[in-house]
């Protein structure tokens, strides 16, 4: 009897260990169910999610580069058309909004806009530093040509153009229009026009002084950078002297 019980126990253990076993080619038994794996099944490795992310990133980069090239091409076409007919106050760039259209090196605050690249990068940089160091609201625009309506003289068109640009720049830079000055040079005209609000020209400096600066510039414009440099220096010195003089008058008046 004991031997029979031991044999039965041995058989139970054997069967318990064989609940999962290989029973044939591509067939397995698991918990009394036969799992049949066909030979025709094509098993592929899953594509890592990171690969798809990288592909999406690369595609985004390609699209961005394509968009940038198209934008640059469009800007070049617009610039060519603008040079032929002349800038208007609507399409002339604003260094506060579109610095990339104003300077060779646009990674800096700028009070100068030279969209046609008439000055070199170094000349633009030096003039811009001089304007910013003055702590005055003085702006410079340089262009190959501006649009002139029929029946309007070039001189009047340039003054009107400069005044409208100064209003835009003053607003963009949050400066007082009446205390701001713009030097506008148009290469096709060979002229420099200096415009400002009533406070600067009249109370700070006289119109006769402005006329003299414009005439001197026209005479020496072959050396464009030096001419600009001279005009800016004289203009800044005149305004500073005017401020000192006014402060001195106020001081004397208060002492009395």
Protein backbone atom coordinates (compact mmCIF):
# COMPACT_ATOMS: atom_id res chain seq x y z
CA UNK A 1 0.00 0.00 0.00
CA UNK A 2 2.76 2.39 0.92
CA UNK A 3 4.55 1.69 -2.35
CA UNK A 4 1.37 2.42 -4.35
CA UNK A 5 0.86 5.76 -2.57
CA UNK A 6 4.46 6.79 -3.27
CA UNK A 7 4.08 5.92 -6.95
CA UNK A 8 0.87 7.99 -7.23
CA UNK A 9 2.56 10.97 -5.53
CA UNK A 10 5.52 10.70 -7.94
CA UNK A 11 3.21 10.74 -10.97
CA UNK A 12 1.31 13.81 -9.66
CA UNK A 13 4.59 15.74 -9.26
CA UNK A 14 5.72 14.81 -12.79
CA UNK A 15 2.44 15.93 -14.38
CA UNK A 16 2.43 19.15 -12.32
CA UNK A 17 5.84 20.09 -13.77
CA UNK A 18 4.72 19.41 -17.32
CA UNK A 19 1.78 21.87 -17.40
CA UNK A 20 3.90 23.92 -19.85
CA UNK A 21 5.93 21.93 -22.35
CA UNK A 22 6.98 21.74 -25.99
CA UNK A 23 4.70 19.26 -27.84
CA UNK A 24 5.73 19.82 -31.45
CA UNK A 25 7.20 22.12 -34.06
CA UNK A 26 5.97 25.69 -33.37
CA UNK A 27 3.48 24.27 -30.78
CA UNK A 28 3.46 24.71 -27.04
CA UNK A 29 1.10 23.50 -24.28
CA UNK A 30 0.21 26.00 -21.60
CA UNK A 31 -2.47 25.20 -18.97
CA UNK A 32 -4.09 22.54 -21.20
CA UNK A 33 -4.28 24.97 -24.18
CA UNK A 34 -2.23 24.50 -27.33
CA UNK A 35 -0.61 27.66 -28.73
CA UNK A 36 0.20 27.31 -32.44
CA UNK A 37 2.69 29.81 -33.92
CA UNK A 38 2.59 29.78 -37.73
CA UNK A 39 5.82 29.68 -39.70
CA UNK A 40 4.47 32.46 -41.94
CA UNK A 41 4.30 35.02 -39.16
CA UNK A 42 6.73 37.88 -39.92
CA UNK A 43 8.05 39.19 -36.63
CA UNK A 44 9.62 42.68 -36.78
CA UNK A 45 11.35 44.70 -34.14
CA UNK A 46 9.33 47.65 -32.88
CA UNK A 47 10.59 51.07 -34.03
CA UNK A 48 11.80 53.02 -31.00
CA UNK A 49 9.74 56.12 -30.25
CA UNK A 50 12.95 58.16 -30.09
CA UNK A 51 13.65 57.42 -33.77
CA UNK A 52 10.29 58.85 -34.77
CA UNK A 53 10.93 61.92 -32.62
CA UNK A 54 14.32 62.43 -34.29
CA UNK A 55 12.74 62.10 -37.73
CA UNK A 56 10.08 64.67 -36.85
CA UNK A 57 12.77 67.04 -35.55
CA UNK A 58 14.85 66.64 -38.73
CA UNK A 59 11.78 67.26 -40.89
CA UNK A 60 10.97 70.40 -38.89
CA UNK A 61 14.52 71.64 -39.40
CA UNK A 62 14.29 71.06 -43.15
CA UNK A 63 10.98 72.93 -43.33
CA UNK A 64 12.40 75.83 -41.30
CA UNK A 65 15.47 76.09 -43.56
CA UNK A 66 13.26 76.01 -46.64
CA UNK A 67 11.01 78.72 -45.18
CA UNK A 68 14.02 80.87 -44.25
CA UNK A 69 15.50 80.61 -47.75
CA UNK A 70 12.16 81.53 -49.32
CA UNK A 71 11.81 84.49 -46.94
CA UNK A 72 15.32 85.75 -47.73
CA UNK A 73 14.67 85.38 -51.46
CA UNK A 74 11.40 87.32 -51.10
CA UNK A 75 13.17 90.05 -49.12
CA UNK A 76 15.87 90.33 -51.80
CA UNK A 77 13.22 90.63 -54.51
CA UNK A 78 11.34 93.27 -52.53
CA UNK A 79 14.58 95.15 -51.88
CA UNK A 80 15.47 95.16 -55.58
CA UNK A 81 12.03 96.47 -56.51
CA UNK A 82 12.19 99.11 -53.77
CA UNK A 83 15.56 100.39 -54.97
CA UNK A 84 14.25 100.88 -58.49
CA UNK A 85 11.11 102.87 -57.56
CA UNK A 86 12.32 104.22 -54.21
CA UNK A 87 11.30 103.56 -50.61
CA UNK A 88 8.03 104.83 -49.21
CA UNK A 89 7.38 105.56 -45.54
CA UNK A 90 5.35 102.32 -45.41
CA UNK A 91 8.07 99.94 -46.61
CA UNK A 92 11.19 101.59 -45.18
CA UNK A 93 12.50 99.35 -42.34
CA UNK A 94 12.35 100.22 -38.66
CA UNK A 95 15.44 99.21 -36.59
CA UNK A 96 13.25 98.74 -33.52
CA UNK A 97 11.07 96.20 -35.35
CA UNK A 98 13.18 94.84 -38.24
CA UNK A 99 16.86 95.26 -37.27
CA UNK A 100 17.81 92.48 -39.70
CA UNK A 101 16.74 94.75 -42.57
CA UNK A 102 18.70 97.78 -41.33
CA UNK A 103 22.23 96.62 -40.53
CA UNK A 104 24.87 94.12 -41.59
CA UNK A 105 25.15 93.09 -37.94
CA UNK A 106 21.70 93.39 -36.40
CA UNK A 107 22.42 91.78 -33.00
CA UNK A 108 22.43 95.12 -31.24
CA UNK A 109 20.24 98.10 -30.47
CA UNK A 110 20.38 100.49 -33.39
CA UNK A 111 19.51 104.12 -34.14
CA UNK A 112 20.69 103.74 -37.73
CA UNK A 113 19.02 102.08 -40.71
CA UNK A 114 20.95 101.37 -43.90
CA UNK A 115 18.89 98.72 -45.76
CA UNK A 116 20.88 99.04 -48.99
CA UNK A 117 24.21 98.49 -47.22
CA UNK A 118 25.71 101.76 -48.45
CA UNK A 119 28.00 101.90 -45.42
CA UNK A 120 30.28 99.04 -44.39
CA UNK A 121 29.52 96.97 -41.30
CA UNK A 122 32.29 98.71 -39.35
CA UNK A 123 31.06 102.17 -40.39
CA UNK A 124 27.51 101.32 -39.37
CA UNK A 125 28.74 100.02 -36.02
CA UNK A 126 30.85 103.12 -35.27
CA UNK A 127 28.11 105.60 -36.18
CA UNK A 128 25.57 103.65 -34.17
CA UNK A 129 27.83 103.71 -31.09
CA UNK A 130 28.23 107.46 -31.48
CA UNK A 131 24.45 107.93 -31.64
CA UNK A 132 23.79 105.72 -28.61
CA UNK A 133 26.62 107.23 -26.55
CA UNK A 134 25.18 110.72 -27.02
CA UNK A 135 22.12 109.72 -24.93
CA UNK A 136 20.06 111.80 -27.34
CA UNK A 137 17.23 110.68 -29.58
CA UNK A 138 19.12 111.05 -32.86
CA UNK A 139 18.37 108.63 -35.70
CA UNK A 140 19.97 108.11 -39.12
CA UNK A 141 18.37 106.71 -42.27
CA UNK A 142 20.38 105.95 -45.40
CA UNK A 143 18.77 104.81 -48.65
CA UNK A 144 19.58 104.46 -52.31
CA UNK A 145 16.34 106.12 -53.40
CA UNK A 146 12.91 107.20 -52.15
CA UNK A 147 9.62 107.45 -54.00
CA UNK A 148 8.71 110.92 -55.30
CA UNK A 149 5.15 111.67 -56.34
CA UNK A 150 4.46 113.51 -59.58
CA UNK A 151 4.58 117.27 -59.12
CA UNK A 152 6.56 117.10 -55.87
CA UNK A 153 10.17 118.28 -55.70
CA UNK A 154 12.86 115.89 -54.48
CA UNK A 155 13.68 118.22 -51.59
CA UNK A 156 10.08 118.38 -50.36
CA UNK A 157 9.65 114.62 -50.83
CA UNK A 158 12.77 113.93 -48.76
CA UNK A 159 11.68 116.27 -45.93
CA UNK A 160 8.20 114.74 -45.86
CA UNK A 161 9.70 111.24 -45.91
CA UNK A 162 12.09 112.08 -43.05
CA UNK A 163 9.35 113.59 -40.88
CA UNK A 164 7.10 110.55 -41.25
CA UNK A 165 9.96 108.15 -40.51
CA UNK A 166 10.94 110.18 -37.43
CA UNK A 167 7.38 109.92 -36.09
CA UNK A 168 7.47 106.13 -36.54
CA UNK A 169 10.89 105.75 -34.95
CA UNK A 170 9.99 108.01 -32.02
CA UNK A 171 6.93 105.92 -31.31
CA UNK A 172 8.81 102.61 -31.62
CA UNK A 173 11.65 103.76 -29.35
CA UNK A 174 9.26 105.48 -26.92
CA UNK A 175 10.94 108.84 -27.39
CA UNK A 176 9.36 112.28 -27.62
CA UNK A 177 8.99 113.28 -31.27
CA UNK A 178 9.51 116.96 -30.42
CA UNK A 179 12.82 116.11 -28.76
CA UNK A 180 14.07 113.74 -31.47
CA UNK A 181 16.17 114.33 -34.59
CA UNK A 182 16.49 112.38 -37.83
CA UNK A 183 19.30 112.61 -40.38
CA UNK A 184 17.98 111.34 -43.71
CA UNK A 185 20.39 110.70 -46.60
CA UNK A 186 19.24 109.66 -50.10
CA UNK A 187 22.11 108.66 -52.37
CA UNK A 188 20.21 109.29 -55.63
CA UNK A 189 19.54 112.88 -54.51
CA UNK A 190 23.00 113.42 -53.02
CA UNK A 191 21.36 115.29 -50.14
CA UNK A 192 21.11 115.10 -46.37
CA UNK A 193 18.00 116.43 -44.65
CA UNK A 194 17.87 116.99 -40.90
CA UNK A 195 14.40 117.12 -39.37
CA UNK A 196 13.13 117.39 -35.82
CA UNK A 197 10.23 118.44 -33.67
CA UNK A 198 9.68 122.08 -32.79
CA UNK A 199 11.39 121.77 -29.40
CA UNK A 200 14.80 120.78 -30.82
CA UNK A 201 14.92 123.07 -33.85
CA UNK A 202 13.95 126.45 -32.53
CA UNK A 203 14.57 126.18 -28.81
CA UNK A 204 17.69 124.01 -28.74
CA UNK A 205 19.29 124.81 -32.09
CA UNK A 206 18.53 127.30 -34.82
CA UNK A 207 17.46 126.40 -38.36
CA UNK A 208 20.45 128.32 -39.73
CA UNK A 209 22.80 125.89 -37.97
CA UNK A 210 20.93 122.93 -39.50
CA UNK A 211 21.15 124.48 -42.98
CA UNK A 212 24.92 124.90 -42.56
CA UNK A 213 25.35 121.25 -41.55
CA UNK A 214 23.36 120.08 -44.59
CA UNK A 215 25.45 122.20 -46.96
CA UNK A 216 28.74 121.00 -45.46
CA UNK A 217 27.59 117.41 -45.78
CA UNK A 218 26.64 117.87 -49.44
CA UNK A 219 30.08 119.32 -50.19
CA UNK A 220 31.96 116.46 -48.50
CA UNK A 221 29.63 113.54 -49.21
CA UNK A 222 32.20 111.64 -51.30
CA UNK A 223 33.58 110.49 -47.96
CA UNK A 224 30.16 109.51 -46.67
CA UNK A 225 31.18 107.99 -43.35
CA UNK A 226 33.40 110.93 -42.38
CA UNK A 227 30.69 113.39 -43.38
CA UNK A 228 28.13 111.62 -41.20
CA UNK A 229 30.61 111.44 -38.35
CA UNK A 230 31.29 115.19 -38.53
CA UNK A 231 27.62 116.16 -38.69
CA UNK A 232 26.70 113.96 -35.71
CA UNK A 233 29.58 115.32 -33.61
CA UNK A 234 28.70 118.95 -34.34
CA UNK A 235 25.02 118.32 -33.73
CA UNK A 236 25.62 116.63 -30.37
CA UNK A 237 28.05 119.35 -29.25
CA UNK A 238 25.57 122.07 -30.18
CA UNK A 239 22.75 120.43 -28.22
CA UNK A 240 24.97 119.85 -25.17
CA UNK A 241 26.15 123.48 -25.22
CA UNK A 242 22.55 124.60 -25.50
CA UNK A 243 21.60 122.48 -22.47
CA UNK A 244 24.51 123.88 -20.44
CA UNK A 245 23.64 127.41 -21.47
CA UNK A 246 19.99 126.95 -20.53
CA UNK A 247 20.93 125.42 -17.18
CA UNK A 248 23.25 128.34 -16.49
CA UNK A 249 20.51 130.85 -17.30
CA UNK A 250 18.07 129.05 -14.99
CA UNK A 251 20.68 129.01 -12.20
CA UNK A 252 21.33 132.76 -12.51
CA UNK A 253 17.61 133.48 -12.62
CA UNK A 254 17.00 131.48 -9.44
CA UNK A 255 19.84 133.26 -7.62
CA UNK A 256 18.28 136.62 -8.41
